[in-house]
N, C-alpha and C. Protein backbone atom coordinates (compact mmCIF):
# COMPACT_ATOMS: atom_id res chain seq x y z
N UNK A 1 20.10 107.97 144.77
CA UNK A 1 19.13 108.34 144.01
C UNK A 1 19.19 107.91 142.73
N UNK A 2 20.57 107.66 142.15
CA UNK A 2 21.10 107.26 140.85
C UNK A 2 21.12 106.23 139.93
N UNK A 3 21.49 105.73 141.74
CA UNK A 3 20.74 104.25 141.27
C UNK A 3 19.09 103.33 140.93
N UNK A 4 18.29 104.27 141.56
CA UNK A 4 17.07 104.32 141.31
C UNK A 4 16.60 104.46 140.10
N UNK A 5 16.96 105.73 140.14
CA UNK A 5 17.01 106.45 138.48
C UNK A 5 17.68 105.47 137.43
N UNK A 6 18.36 104.66 137.32
CA UNK A 6 18.88 104.00 135.59
C UNK A 6 18.05 102.49 136.42
N UNK A 7 17.98 101.44 137.14
CA UNK A 7 16.78 100.73 137.57
C UNK A 7 16.11 101.00 137.13
N UNK A 8 15.38 102.01 137.63
CA UNK A 8 13.68 102.38 136.84
C UNK A 8 13.89 102.14 135.54
N UNK A 9 14.30 102.63 135.40
CA UNK A 9 14.30 103.82 133.37
C UNK A 9 15.24 101.66 132.79
N UNK A 10 15.59 101.02 133.37
CA UNK A 10 15.71 100.47 132.65
C UNK A 10 15.33 99.06 132.72
N UNK A 11 14.39 98.37 133.64
CA UNK A 11 13.14 97.37 134.24
C UNK A 11 12.33 97.97 133.41
N UNK A 12 12.00 99.61 133.05
CA UNK A 12 10.16 99.61 132.35
C UNK A 12 11.02 100.22 131.12
N UNK A 13 11.67 99.97 130.53
CA UNK A 13 12.28 100.09 129.49
C UNK A 13 11.82 98.41 128.57
N UNK A 14 12.45 97.23 129.47
CA UNK A 14 12.59 95.81 129.41
C UNK A 14 10.67 95.42 129.12
N UNK A 15 10.17 95.30 130.10
CA UNK A 15 9.29 94.98 130.79
C UNK A 15 7.98 96.09 129.44
N UNK A 16 8.66 97.08 129.48
CA UNK A 16 7.18 97.89 128.19
C UNK A 16 6.90 96.84 126.70
N UNK A 17 8.77 97.03 126.48
CA UNK A 17 9.01 96.84 125.22
C UNK A 17 8.40 96.38 124.53
N UNK A 18 8.51 94.95 125.88
CA UNK A 18 7.99 92.92 125.64
C UNK A 18 6.22 92.90 125.48
N UNK A 19 6.09 94.14 126.66
CA UNK A 19 4.48 94.23 127.02
C UNK A 19 3.98 94.91 124.94
N UNK A 20 4.97 95.90 124.63
CA UNK A 20 3.65 96.59 123.43
C UNK A 20 4.04 95.43 122.29
N UNK A 21 4.84 94.62 122.25
CA UNK A 21 5.41 94.02 121.37
C UNK A 21 4.10 93.09 121.33
N UNK A 22 3.16 92.22 122.79
CA UNK A 22 2.81 91.22 122.93
C UNK A 22 1.19 92.03 122.87
N UNK A 23 1.54 93.09 122.75
CA UNK A 23 0.12 94.04 122.67
C UNK A 23 -0.45 93.94 121.66
N UNK A 24 0.96 94.69 120.43
CA UNK A 24 0.20 94.82 119.41
C UNK A 24 0.17 93.64 118.66
N UNK A 25 0.91 92.88 118.82
CA UNK A 25 0.50 91.36 117.92
C UNK A 25 -1.32 91.44 118.27
N UNK A 26 -1.90 91.17 119.34
CA UNK A 26 -3.01 90.61 119.89
C UNK A 26 -4.28 91.39 119.20
N UNK A 27 -4.00 92.48 119.28
CA UNK A 27 -4.65 93.79 119.21
C UNK A 27 -4.47 94.12 117.28
N UNK A 28 -3.35 93.61 116.63
CA UNK A 28 -3.60 93.19 115.36
C UNK A 28 -4.80 92.00 115.17
N UNK A 29 -4.80 90.69 115.79
CA UNK A 29 -5.73 89.63 115.57
C UNK A 29 -7.25 90.10 115.53
N UNK A 30 -7.33 91.67 116.05
CA UNK A 30 -8.45 92.02 115.82
C UNK A 30 -8.91 92.98 115.35
N UNK A 31 -7.64 94.28 114.71
CA UNK A 31 -7.26 95.24 114.69
C UNK A 31 -6.88 94.49 113.01
N UNK A 32 -6.96 93.74 112.29
CA UNK A 32 -6.18 93.71 111.20
C UNK A 32 -6.30 94.20 109.49
N UNK A 33 -7.27 95.06 108.92
CA UNK A 33 -7.01 95.98 107.99
C UNK A 33 -6.08 96.75 108.37
N UNK A 34 -5.48 97.85 106.96
CA UNK A 34 -4.52 98.19 107.24
C UNK A 34 -4.59 99.71 107.55
N UNK A 35 -6.00 100.34 107.30
CA UNK A 35 -6.73 101.39 107.12
C UNK A 35 -6.73 101.41 109.27
N UNK A 36 -6.57 100.68 109.92
CA UNK A 36 -6.00 100.11 111.54
C UNK A 36 -5.08 99.94 112.58
N UNK A 37 -4.14 100.61 111.13
CA UNK A 37 -2.79 100.24 112.09
C UNK A 37 -2.98 101.45 112.88
N UNK A 38 -3.10 102.60 112.70
CA UNK A 38 -4.20 103.18 114.21
C UNK A 38 -3.86 103.06 115.65
N UNK A 39 -4.92 101.93 115.16
CA UNK A 39 -5.50 101.71 116.58
C UNK A 39 -4.28 100.56 117.28
N UNK A 40 -4.19 99.55 116.22
CA UNK A 40 -2.95 98.84 117.14
C UNK A 40 -2.03 99.55 117.39
N UNK A 41 -1.44 100.44 116.23
CA UNK A 41 0.43 101.24 117.13
C UNK A 41 -0.33 102.17 117.95
N UNK A 42 -1.46 103.26 117.78
CA UNK A 42 -1.08 103.73 119.28
C UNK A 42 -1.66 103.01 120.63
N UNK A 43 -3.35 101.90 120.73
CA UNK A 43 -3.07 101.29 121.40
C UNK A 43 -2.12 100.02 121.71
N UNK A 44 -1.24 99.45 121.53
CA UNK A 44 -0.59 99.54 122.35
C UNK A 44 0.60 100.00 122.91
N UNK A 45 1.45 101.44 122.17
CA UNK A 45 1.49 102.57 122.62
C UNK A 45 1.89 102.33 124.13
N UNK A 46 0.09 103.55 123.97
CA UNK A 46 -0.29 104.14 124.91
C UNK A 46 -0.59 103.47 126.62
N UNK A 47 -0.68 101.41 125.85
CA UNK A 47 -0.64 100.77 126.85
C UNK A 47 0.13 100.63 127.79
N UNK A 48 1.68 100.25 127.27
CA UNK A 48 2.50 100.21 127.49
C UNK A 48 3.34 101.02 127.85
N UNK A 49 2.80 102.23 127.03
CA UNK A 49 3.62 103.54 128.37
C UNK A 49 3.23 104.16 129.05
N UNK A 50 2.30 103.45 129.36
CA UNK A 50 1.86 103.76 130.95
C UNK A 50 2.05 102.95 132.13
N UNK A 51 2.16 101.14 131.26
CA UNK A 51 2.93 100.34 132.10
C UNK A 51 5.03 101.48 132.78
N UNK A 52 5.07 101.48 132.05
CA UNK A 52 6.35 101.91 131.68
C UNK A 52 6.99 103.03 132.64
N UNK A 53 5.72 104.10 131.94
CA UNK A 53 5.97 105.17 133.14
C UNK A 53 5.72 104.94 134.69
N UNK A 54 4.17 103.99 134.79
CA UNK A 54 4.66 103.07 136.35
C UNK A 54 5.27 102.56 137.27
N UNK A 55 6.02 101.59 136.33
CA UNK A 55 7.26 100.68 136.99
C UNK A 55 8.31 101.62 136.97
N UNK A 56 8.71 102.62 136.04
CA UNK A 56 10.16 103.78 136.62
C UNK A 56 9.55 104.68 137.40
N UNK A 57 8.42 105.13 137.65
CA UNK A 57 7.97 105.90 138.68
C UNK A 57 8.44 105.48 140.47
N UNK A 58 7.94 104.06 139.93
CA UNK A 58 7.54 103.55 140.84
C UNK A 58 9.29 102.86 141.78
N UNK A 59 9.80 102.70 140.70
CA UNK A 59 10.36 101.75 141.28
C UNK A 59 11.35 103.21 141.41
N UNK A 60 11.80 104.53 140.66
CA UNK A 60 12.82 105.77 141.00
C UNK A 60 11.87 106.17 141.58
N UNK A 61 11.03 107.14 142.44
CA UNK A 61 10.15 107.72 143.38
C UNK A 61 9.43 107.57 144.08
N UNK A 62 9.10 105.87 144.61
CA UNK A 62 8.27 105.61 145.72
C UNK A 62 9.20 105.97 147.17
N UNK A 63 8.70 106.17 147.68
CA UNK A 63 9.21 107.13 148.77
C UNK A 63 10.00 108.04 149.06
N UNK A 64 10.36 108.47 148.06
CA UNK A 64 11.09 109.48 147.74
C UNK A 64 10.24 110.43 147.52
N UNK A 65 9.48 110.53 147.44
CA UNK A 65 8.64 111.54 147.55
C UNK A 65 7.14 111.39 148.20
N UNK A 66 6.04 112.38 148.07
CA UNK A 66 4.26 111.86 148.67
C UNK A 66 4.11 111.34 148.00
N UNK A 67 2.59 111.28 148.40
CA UNK A 67 1.97 110.65 147.04
C UNK A 67 1.29 111.82 146.46
N UNK A 68 1.19 112.80 146.41
CA UNK A 68 0.90 113.70 145.97
C UNK A 68 1.67 114.09 144.98
N UNK A 69 3.03 114.34 145.22
CA UNK A 69 4.23 114.77 143.93
C UNK A 69 4.21 113.92 143.07
N UNK A 70 4.63 112.16 144.26
CA UNK A 70 4.55 111.50 143.19
C UNK A 70 3.46 110.99 141.90
N UNK A 71 2.53 110.99 142.19
CA UNK A 71 1.35 110.84 141.72
C UNK A 71 0.92 112.07 140.44
N UNK A 72 1.62 112.56 140.67
CA UNK A 72 2.37 114.12 140.13
C UNK A 72 2.87 113.82 138.51
N UNK A 73 3.92 113.56 139.24
CA UNK A 73 4.59 112.91 138.49
C UNK A 73 4.53 112.05 137.30
N UNK A 74 3.73 110.88 137.71
CA UNK A 74 3.40 109.71 137.06
C UNK A 74 2.40 110.51 135.98
N UNK A 75 1.30 111.06 135.99
CA UNK A 75 0.24 111.85 135.59
C UNK A 75 0.80 112.67 134.57
N UNK A 76 1.75 113.88 134.60
CA UNK A 76 2.59 114.09 133.76
C UNK A 76 3.01 113.27 132.91
N UNK A 77 4.30 112.71 133.73
CA UNK A 77 4.73 112.26 132.23
C UNK A 77 4.08 111.43 131.58
N UNK A 78 3.03 110.32 131.51
CA UNK A 78 2.47 109.84 131.15
C UNK A 78 1.34 110.37 130.06
N UNK A 79 0.97 111.78 130.54
CA UNK A 79 0.26 112.37 129.59
C UNK A 79 1.29 112.81 128.33
N UNK A 80 3.08 113.46 128.63
CA UNK A 80 2.93 113.82 127.32
C UNK A 80 3.95 112.47 126.49
N UNK A 81 3.58 111.20 127.32
CA UNK A 81 4.02 110.44 126.20
C UNK A 81 2.77 110.06 125.23
N UNK A 82 1.89 109.96 126.35
CA UNK A 82 -0.03 109.38 124.99
C UNK A 82 0.38 110.74 124.40
N UNK A 83 0.12 112.11 124.27
CA UNK A 83 0.55 113.48 123.47
C UNK A 83 1.24 112.98 122.30
N UNK A 84 2.58 112.86 122.36
CA UNK A 84 3.69 112.31 121.70
C UNK A 84 3.13 110.71 120.99
N UNK A 85 2.87 110.40 121.42
CA UNK A 85 2.27 109.18 120.93
C UNK A 85 1.49 109.13 119.79
N UNK A 86 0.07 110.14 120.34
CA UNK A 86 -0.67 110.82 119.60
C UNK A 86 -0.65 111.26 118.16
N UNK A 87 0.44 112.76 118.37
CA UNK A 87 0.98 113.02 117.61
C UNK A 87 1.43 112.58 116.70
N UNK A 88 2.48 111.46 116.90
CA UNK A 88 3.49 110.95 115.57
C UNK A 88 2.41 109.74 114.79
N UNK A 89 0.75 109.77 115.15
CA UNK A 89 0.43 109.03 113.80
C UNK A 89 0.20 109.32 112.54
N UNK A 90 0.11 110.31 111.98
CA UNK A 90 -0.15 111.19 111.59
C UNK A 90 1.77 110.59 110.38
N UNK A 91 2.45 110.97 110.89
CA UNK A 91 3.84 110.62 110.75
C UNK A 91 3.70 109.09 110.25
N UNK A 92 3.50 108.47 111.35
CA UNK A 92 2.88 107.29 110.94
C UNK A 92 2.81 106.43 109.26
N UNK A 93 2.28 107.64 109.22
CA UNK A 93 0.73 107.24 108.34
C UNK A 93 1.60 107.51 107.11
N UNK A 94 2.16 108.85 106.83
CA UNK A 94 3.12 109.71 106.32
C UNK A 94 4.21 108.37 105.89
N UNK A 95 5.09 107.86 106.52
CA UNK A 95 6.46 107.17 106.60
C UNK A 95 5.82 105.59 105.65
N UNK A 96 4.55 105.48 105.69
CA UNK A 96 4.10 104.25 105.40
C UNK A 96 3.78 104.10 103.76
N UNK A 97 3.54 105.69 103.52
CA UNK A 97 2.89 105.77 102.09
C UNK A 97 4.03 106.23 101.28
N UNK A 98 5.50 105.67 101.98
CA UNK A 98 6.63 106.23 101.09
C UNK A 98 7.14 104.98 100.10
N UNK A 99 7.79 105.03 99.07
CA UNK A 99 7.57 103.23 98.31
C UNK A 99 9.17 103.97 97.80
N UNK A 100 9.71 102.82 97.75
CA UNK A 100 11.78 102.55 97.40
C UNK A 100 11.24 102.28 95.78
N UNK A 101 12.81 103.13 95.03
CA UNK A 101 12.55 102.71 93.37
C UNK A 101 12.78 101.00 93.12
N UNK A 102 12.96 100.07 94.53
CA UNK A 102 12.88 98.36 93.90
C UNK A 102 11.50 98.03 93.74
N UNK A 103 10.77 98.85 95.49
CA UNK A 103 9.47 98.16 95.39
C UNK A 103 8.75 98.51 94.38
N UNK A 104 9.04 100.16 93.32
CA UNK A 104 7.75 99.76 92.46
C UNK A 104 8.57 99.58 91.10
N UNK A 105 9.55 99.56 90.96
CA UNK A 105 9.95 98.79 89.96
C UNK A 105 9.13 97.32 89.61
N UNK A 106 10.03 96.28 90.87
CA UNK A 106 9.27 95.58 91.49
C UNK A 106 7.57 94.81 91.34
N UNK A 107 6.99 95.88 91.30
CA UNK A 107 5.71 95.76 91.91
C UNK A 107 5.30 96.31 90.25
N UNK A 108 5.83 96.81 89.27
CA UNK A 108 5.46 97.20 87.91
C UNK A 108 5.87 95.87 87.28
N UNK A 109 7.28 94.83 87.26
CA UNK A 109 7.34 93.67 86.68
C UNK A 109 6.03 93.10 86.89
N UNK A 110 5.83 93.09 88.26
CA UNK A 110 4.71 92.11 89.08
C UNK A 110 2.67 92.19 87.85
N UNK A 111 2.83 94.01 87.85
CA UNK A 111 1.79 94.01 87.12
C UNK A 111 1.87 93.48 85.59
N UNK A 112 3.12 94.16 84.79
CA UNK A 112 2.92 93.84 82.98
C UNK A 112 3.61 91.91 83.44
N UNK A 113 3.44 90.94 83.94
CA UNK A 113 3.59 90.04 84.20
C UNK A 113 1.78 89.08 84.09
N UNK A 114 0.63 89.74 85.20
CA UNK A 114 -0.22 89.37 85.04
C UNK A 114 -0.55 89.57 83.97
N UNK A 115 -0.35 91.21 83.26
CA UNK A 115 -0.93 91.91 81.95
C UNK A 115 -0.67 90.59 80.80
N UNK A 116 -0.44 90.07 80.88
CA UNK A 116 0.24 89.67 79.67
C UNK A 116 -0.66 87.55 79.90
């Protein structure tokens, strides 16, 4: 069982990470505003999380459990990922609002030069 879990986990991770980056770039073409970050982030992550969960469950558990149990594992695992992704959205916007001292100084210097 353990090799199937490891293989399923690694395979799902690599495929879903690649997909997440590609989806984010594609979604960004249509939702490019800074106010639409939540669409890009949640859209790509929620889709790639489903693919991640599906691949993992197929490799790790297909044939090991009956279809009803397997579907239950798939749905509950994805639901938890979906909820965590949605719950992380406010944290994403809070983190995005942070400014480092260097950024603030650079912005003031740029604004000072423009005012001259």
